[in-house]
Amino acid sequence: MDEKRDALRLLDGLENGGMSTADAVALGEDLDPVLTYAIVSFLRAVYPAGNPAATAVLKRVVDLISSPAIVRQHERGRQDPVAQWLESEHEYRDFRGRGPALVDLVADKLDS
């Protein structure tokens, strides 16, 4: 699935710094809003602001969500029933070190 691959690229780019903000915005705009929302929410949860090691990741997340298109995408994703299901059944922190498993879970739920 191309969307799952793109979601994994966005997650990796934000987490590891392997992509420009412009590329991240372009990917985030093209994803299902729930995937964009879940990726941003996941990174915020597993890289809390008080953790000095999180500075670079959170800067990339802030740069991403500074785009008006991503803000709209994020809000649509937050309101989607799949996102609400995800947050009622799981904690983002439980996916620490397993971000791709979160992407798989969300993508599979969107496909069902």
N, C-alpha and C. Protein backbone atom coordinates (compact mmCIF):
# COMPACT_ATOMS: atom_id res chain seq x y z
N MET A 1 0.84 -1.18 0.00
CA MET A 1 0.00 0.00 0.00
C MET A 1 0.88 1.24 0.00
N ASP A 2 0.70 2.10 -0.96
CA ASP A 2 1.52 3.31 -1.08
C ASP A 2 1.33 4.24 0.11
N GLU A 3 0.10 4.35 0.59
CA GLU A 3 -0.16 5.26 1.71
C GLU A 3 0.57 4.79 2.97
N LYS A 4 0.59 3.50 3.21
CA LYS A 4 1.30 2.99 4.38
C LYS A 4 2.80 3.26 4.23
N ARG A 5 3.33 3.05 3.04
CA ARG A 5 4.75 3.32 2.79
C ARG A 5 5.05 4.81 3.02
N ASP A 6 4.17 5.68 2.52
CA ASP A 6 4.37 7.12 2.70
C ASP A 6 4.26 7.52 4.16
N ALA A 7 3.34 6.91 4.89
CA ALA A 7 3.21 7.19 6.32
C ALA A 7 4.48 6.78 7.07
N LEU A 8 5.03 5.64 6.71
CA LEU A 8 6.28 5.19 7.33
C LEU A 8 7.43 6.13 6.98
N ARG A 9 7.46 6.64 5.76
CA ARG A 9 8.49 7.61 5.36
C ARG A 9 8.36 8.89 6.17
N LEU A 10 7.11 9.36 6.37
CA LEU A 10 6.89 10.57 7.16
C LEU A 10 7.34 10.35 8.60
N LEU A 11 6.92 9.25 9.18
CA LEU A 11 7.32 8.94 10.55
C LEU A 11 8.83 8.90 10.69
N ASP A 12 9.49 8.20 9.80
CA ASP A 12 10.95 8.08 9.85
C ASP A 12 11.61 9.44 9.64
N GLY A 13 11.10 10.21 8.68
CA GLY A 13 11.69 11.52 8.42
C GLY A 13 11.58 12.46 9.60
N LEU A 14 10.44 12.44 10.27
CA LEU A 14 10.27 13.29 11.45
C LEU A 14 11.09 12.79 12.63
N GLU A 15 11.12 11.49 12.79
CA GLU A 15 11.81 10.92 13.94
C GLU A 15 13.33 10.99 13.79
N ASN A 16 13.81 10.73 12.58
CA ASN A 16 15.26 10.62 12.37
C ASN A 16 15.87 11.76 11.58
N GLY A 17 15.04 12.68 11.11
CA GLY A 17 15.56 13.86 10.44
C GLY A 17 15.98 13.67 9.01
N GLY A 18 15.49 12.66 8.35
CA GLY A 18 15.93 12.36 6.99
C GLY A 18 15.14 13.04 5.90
N MET A 19 14.37 14.09 6.22
CA MET A 19 13.61 14.76 5.16
C MET A 19 13.40 16.22 5.51
N SER A 20 13.25 17.02 4.46
CA SER A 20 13.03 18.45 4.66
C SER A 20 11.60 18.69 5.15
N THR A 21 11.38 19.85 5.71
CA THR A 21 10.03 20.23 6.15
C THR A 21 9.08 20.24 4.96
N ALA A 22 9.54 20.76 3.83
CA ALA A 22 8.68 20.82 2.63
C ALA A 22 8.25 19.42 2.20
N ASP A 23 9.18 18.48 2.22
CA ASP A 23 8.84 17.10 1.86
C ASP A 23 7.88 16.49 2.87
N ALA A 24 8.11 16.77 4.16
CA ALA A 24 7.23 16.24 5.20
C ALA A 24 5.82 16.80 5.05
N VAL A 25 5.72 18.09 4.76
CA VAL A 25 4.40 18.71 4.56
C VAL A 25 3.70 18.08 3.36
N ALA A 26 4.42 17.91 2.27
CA ALA A 26 3.83 17.31 1.07
C ALA A 26 3.32 15.90 1.36
N LEU A 27 4.12 15.10 2.07
CA LEU A 27 3.68 13.75 2.43
C LEU A 27 2.48 13.80 3.36
N GLY A 28 2.55 14.63 4.38
CA GLY A 28 1.45 14.73 5.36
C GLY A 28 0.15 15.18 4.73
N GLU A 29 0.23 16.08 3.74
CA GLU A 29 -0.98 16.55 3.06
C GLU A 29 -1.64 15.44 2.25
N ASP A 30 -0.82 14.53 1.72
CA ASP A 30 -1.35 13.47 0.86
C ASP A 30 -1.86 12.25 1.62
N LEU A 31 -1.49 12.13 2.88
CA LEU A 31 -1.92 10.97 3.68
C LEU A 31 -3.36 11.12 4.13
N ASP A 32 -3.95 10.00 4.49
CA ASP A 32 -5.25 10.05 5.16
C ASP A 32 -5.04 10.89 6.43
N PRO A 33 -5.97 11.79 6.72
CA PRO A 33 -5.81 12.66 7.90
C PRO A 33 -5.58 11.88 9.20
N VAL A 34 -6.15 10.70 9.33
CA VAL A 34 -5.95 9.92 10.55
C VAL A 34 -4.49 9.50 10.70
N LEU A 35 -3.86 9.14 9.61
CA LEU A 35 -2.44 8.76 9.68
C LEU A 35 -1.57 9.96 10.06
N THR A 36 -1.83 11.11 9.47
CA THR A 36 -1.07 12.31 9.82
C THR A 36 -1.26 12.63 11.30
N TYR A 37 -2.50 12.60 11.75
CA TYR A 37 -2.81 12.88 13.15
C TYR A 37 -2.11 11.87 14.08
N ALA A 38 -2.19 10.59 13.74
CA ALA A 38 -1.60 9.56 14.60
C ALA A 38 -0.08 9.70 14.68
N ILE A 39 0.56 10.02 13.58
CA ILE A 39 2.02 10.17 13.57
C ILE A 39 2.43 11.35 14.45
N VAL A 40 1.77 12.48 14.28
CA VAL A 40 2.09 13.66 15.09
C VAL A 40 1.81 13.38 16.56
N SER A 41 0.68 12.79 16.86
CA SER A 41 0.32 12.50 18.26
C SER A 41 1.29 11.50 18.88
N PHE A 42 1.68 10.50 18.11
CA PHE A 42 2.64 9.50 18.58
C PHE A 42 3.97 10.16 18.94
N LEU A 43 4.48 11.00 18.03
CA LEU A 43 5.78 11.62 18.29
C LEU A 43 5.72 12.57 19.48
N ARG A 44 4.62 13.27 19.64
CA ARG A 44 4.47 14.14 20.81
C ARG A 44 4.44 13.33 22.10
N ALA A 45 3.83 12.16 22.06
CA ALA A 45 3.70 11.33 23.26
C ALA A 45 5.02 10.66 23.64
N VAL A 46 5.77 10.20 22.65
CA VAL A 46 6.98 9.44 22.98
C VAL A 46 8.23 10.31 23.08
N TYR A 47 8.10 11.56 22.68
CA TYR A 47 9.20 12.51 22.82
C TYR A 47 8.70 13.74 23.60
N PRO A 48 8.48 13.59 24.90
CA PRO A 48 7.95 14.71 25.68
C PRO A 48 8.94 15.88 25.70
N ALA A 49 8.39 17.08 25.77
CA ALA A 49 9.20 18.30 25.69
C ALA A 49 10.28 18.37 26.77
N GLY A 50 10.07 17.77 27.92
CA GLY A 50 11.05 17.81 28.99
C GLY A 50 12.27 16.94 28.75
N ASN A 51 12.23 16.13 27.73
CA ASN A 51 13.33 15.21 27.42
C ASN A 51 14.29 15.91 26.44
N PRO A 52 15.52 16.22 26.87
CA PRO A 52 16.46 16.93 26.00
C PRO A 52 16.74 16.19 24.68
N ALA A 53 16.66 14.88 24.70
CA ALA A 53 16.91 14.11 23.48
C ALA A 53 15.80 14.31 22.45
N ALA A 54 14.68 14.86 22.88
CA ALA A 54 13.53 15.03 21.99
C ALA A 54 13.56 16.33 21.21
N THR A 55 14.48 17.21 21.51
CA THR A 55 14.48 18.55 20.93
C THR A 55 14.40 18.54 19.41
N ALA A 56 15.22 17.76 18.76
CA ALA A 56 15.25 17.75 17.29
C ALA A 56 13.96 17.19 16.71
N VAL A 57 13.44 16.12 17.32
CA VAL A 57 12.20 15.51 16.83
C VAL A 57 11.06 16.51 16.96
N LEU A 58 10.94 17.11 18.13
CA LEU A 58 9.84 18.05 18.35
C LEU A 58 9.96 19.29 17.47
N LYS A 59 11.17 19.72 17.16
CA LYS A 59 11.34 20.86 16.24
C LYS A 59 10.78 20.49 14.87
N ARG A 60 11.08 19.27 14.41
CA ARG A 60 10.57 18.84 13.10
C ARG A 60 9.05 18.72 13.13
N VAL A 61 8.49 18.24 14.24
CA VAL A 61 7.03 18.15 14.36
C VAL A 61 6.41 19.55 14.34
N VAL A 62 6.99 20.47 15.09
CA VAL A 62 6.48 21.85 15.10
C VAL A 62 6.57 22.47 13.71
N ASP A 63 7.68 22.24 13.03
CA ASP A 63 7.82 22.76 11.67
C ASP A 63 6.73 22.20 10.77
N LEU A 64 6.44 20.92 10.92
CA LEU A 64 5.39 20.28 10.11
C LEU A 64 4.03 20.91 10.40
N ILE A 65 3.69 21.01 11.67
CA ILE A 65 2.34 21.49 12.00
C ILE A 65 2.23 23.00 11.95
N SER A 66 3.28 23.66 11.50
CA SER A 66 3.18 25.10 11.24
C SER A 66 2.53 25.37 9.89
N SER A 67 2.39 24.33 9.09
CA SER A 67 1.73 24.47 7.78
C SER A 67 0.21 24.49 7.97
N PRO A 68 -0.47 25.52 7.45
CA PRO A 68 -1.93 25.57 7.57
C PRO A 68 -2.62 24.32 7.01
N ALA A 69 -2.08 23.76 5.94
CA ALA A 69 -2.68 22.55 5.36
C ALA A 69 -2.57 21.38 6.33
N ILE A 70 -1.46 21.28 7.02
CA ILE A 70 -1.28 20.19 7.99
C ILE A 70 -2.16 20.43 9.22
N VAL A 71 -2.34 21.67 9.62
CA VAL A 71 -3.23 21.97 10.74
C VAL A 71 -4.64 21.47 10.41
N ARG A 72 -5.11 21.76 9.20
CA ARG A 72 -6.45 21.29 8.78
C ARG A 72 -6.49 19.76 8.73
N GLN A 73 -5.45 19.17 8.18
CA GLN A 73 -5.35 17.71 8.08
C GLN A 73 -5.38 17.09 9.48
N HIS A 74 -4.62 17.67 10.38
CA HIS A 74 -4.53 17.17 11.76
C HIS A 74 -5.90 17.24 12.44
N GLU A 75 -6.60 18.33 12.26
CA GLU A 75 -7.92 18.49 12.89
C GLU A 75 -8.92 17.49 12.32
N ARG A 76 -8.91 17.29 11.01
CA ARG A 76 -9.81 16.28 10.41
C ARG A 76 -9.48 14.90 10.95
N GLY A 77 -8.20 14.60 11.07
CA GLY A 77 -7.80 13.31 11.61
C GLY A 77 -8.23 13.11 13.05
N ARG A 78 -8.09 14.16 13.85
CA ARG A 78 -8.47 14.08 15.27
C ARG A 78 -9.94 13.77 15.44
N GLN A 79 -10.77 14.29 14.55
CA GLN A 79 -12.21 14.11 14.66
C GLN A 79 -12.71 12.81 14.05
N ASP A 80 -11.87 12.10 13.34
CA ASP A 80 -12.29 10.88 12.65
C ASP A 80 -12.57 9.75 13.66
N PRO A 81 -13.60 8.95 13.41
CA PRO A 81 -13.91 7.83 14.31
C PRO A 81 -12.75 6.84 14.48
N VAL A 82 -11.92 6.66 13.47
CA VAL A 82 -10.79 5.74 13.61
C VAL A 82 -9.79 6.29 14.63
N ALA A 83 -9.53 7.58 14.62
CA ALA A 83 -8.63 8.17 15.61
C ALA A 83 -9.22 8.06 17.00
N GLN A 84 -10.51 8.28 17.09
CA GLN A 84 -11.16 8.16 18.40
C GLN A 84 -11.11 6.72 18.91
N TRP A 85 -11.29 5.76 18.01
CA TRP A 85 -11.15 4.35 18.39
C TRP A 85 -9.73 4.08 18.87
N LEU A 86 -8.75 4.54 18.10
CA LEU A 86 -7.34 4.32 18.44
C LEU A 86 -7.05 4.83 19.85
N GLU A 87 -7.48 6.03 20.13
CA GLU A 87 -7.17 6.64 21.43
C GLU A 87 -7.97 6.05 22.57
N SER A 88 -9.09 5.41 22.27
CA SER A 88 -9.85 4.76 23.33
C SER A 88 -9.30 3.36 23.64
N GLU A 89 -8.64 2.76 22.67
CA GLU A 89 -8.14 1.39 22.83
C GLU A 89 -6.64 1.29 23.11
N HIS A 90 -5.90 2.33 22.80
CA HIS A 90 -4.42 2.27 22.87
C HIS A 90 -3.87 3.57 23.43
N GLU A 91 -2.66 3.49 23.94
CA GLU A 91 -1.88 4.65 24.36
C GLU A 91 -0.72 4.79 23.37
N TYR A 92 -0.51 5.99 22.88
CA TYR A 92 0.60 6.20 21.95
C TYR A 92 1.93 5.76 22.55
N ARG A 93 2.11 6.01 23.84
CA ARG A 93 3.37 5.64 24.50
C ARG A 93 3.64 4.14 24.42
N ASP A 94 2.57 3.34 24.32
CA ASP A 94 2.75 1.89 24.23
C ASP A 94 3.45 1.47 22.94
N PHE A 95 3.50 2.38 21.98
CA PHE A 95 4.14 2.08 20.70
C PHE A 95 5.57 2.61 20.63
N ARG A 96 6.10 3.09 21.77
CA ARG A 96 7.49 3.59 21.81
C ARG A 96 8.42 2.51 21.24
N GLY A 97 9.23 2.90 20.28
CA GLY A 97 10.14 1.95 19.63
C GLY A 97 9.46 1.07 18.60
N ARG A 98 8.15 1.26 18.43
CA ARG A 98 7.38 0.43 17.49
C ARG A 98 6.44 1.31 16.65
N GLY A 99 6.95 2.45 16.22
CA GLY A 99 6.15 3.35 15.41
C GLY A 99 5.55 2.69 14.18
N PRO A 100 6.33 1.86 13.46
CA PRO A 100 5.75 1.19 12.30
C PRO A 100 4.54 0.30 12.65
N ALA A 101 4.53 -0.26 13.84
CA ALA A 101 3.38 -1.07 14.26
C ALA A 101 2.14 -0.19 14.42
N LEU A 102 2.32 1.04 14.89
CA LEU A 102 1.21 1.98 14.99
C LEU A 102 0.68 2.31 13.60
N VAL A 103 1.58 2.60 12.67
CA VAL A 103 1.17 2.92 11.30
C VAL A 103 0.40 1.74 10.70
N ASP A 104 0.92 0.53 10.90
CA ASP A 104 0.22 -0.68 10.39
C ASP A 104 -1.17 -0.79 10.99
N LEU A 105 -1.29 -0.61 12.29
CA LEU A 105 -2.57 -0.72 12.96
C LEU A 105 -3.59 0.28 12.41
N VAL A 106 -3.16 1.52 12.28
CA VAL A 106 -4.07 2.57 11.78
C VAL A 106 -4.42 2.32 10.32
N ALA A 107 -3.44 2.01 9.50
CA ALA A 107 -3.71 1.77 8.09
C ALA A 107 -4.64 0.59 7.89
N ASP A 108 -4.43 -0.48 8.65
CA ASP A 108 -5.30 -1.65 8.55
C ASP A 108 -6.73 -1.31 8.99
N LYS A 109 -6.86 -0.51 10.04
CA LYS A 109 -8.19 -0.12 10.51
C LYS A 109 -8.88 0.77 9.47
N LEU A 110 -8.13 1.64 8.82
CA LEU A 110 -8.72 2.48 7.78
C LEU A 110 -9.17 1.65 6.59
N ASP A 111 -8.46 0.57 6.31
CA ASP A 111 -8.81 -0.29 5.19
C ASP A 111 -9.99 -1.21 5.47
N SER A 112 -10.32 -1.40 6.76
CA SER A 112 -11.39 -2.35 7.09
C SER A 112 -12.75 -1.70 7.05
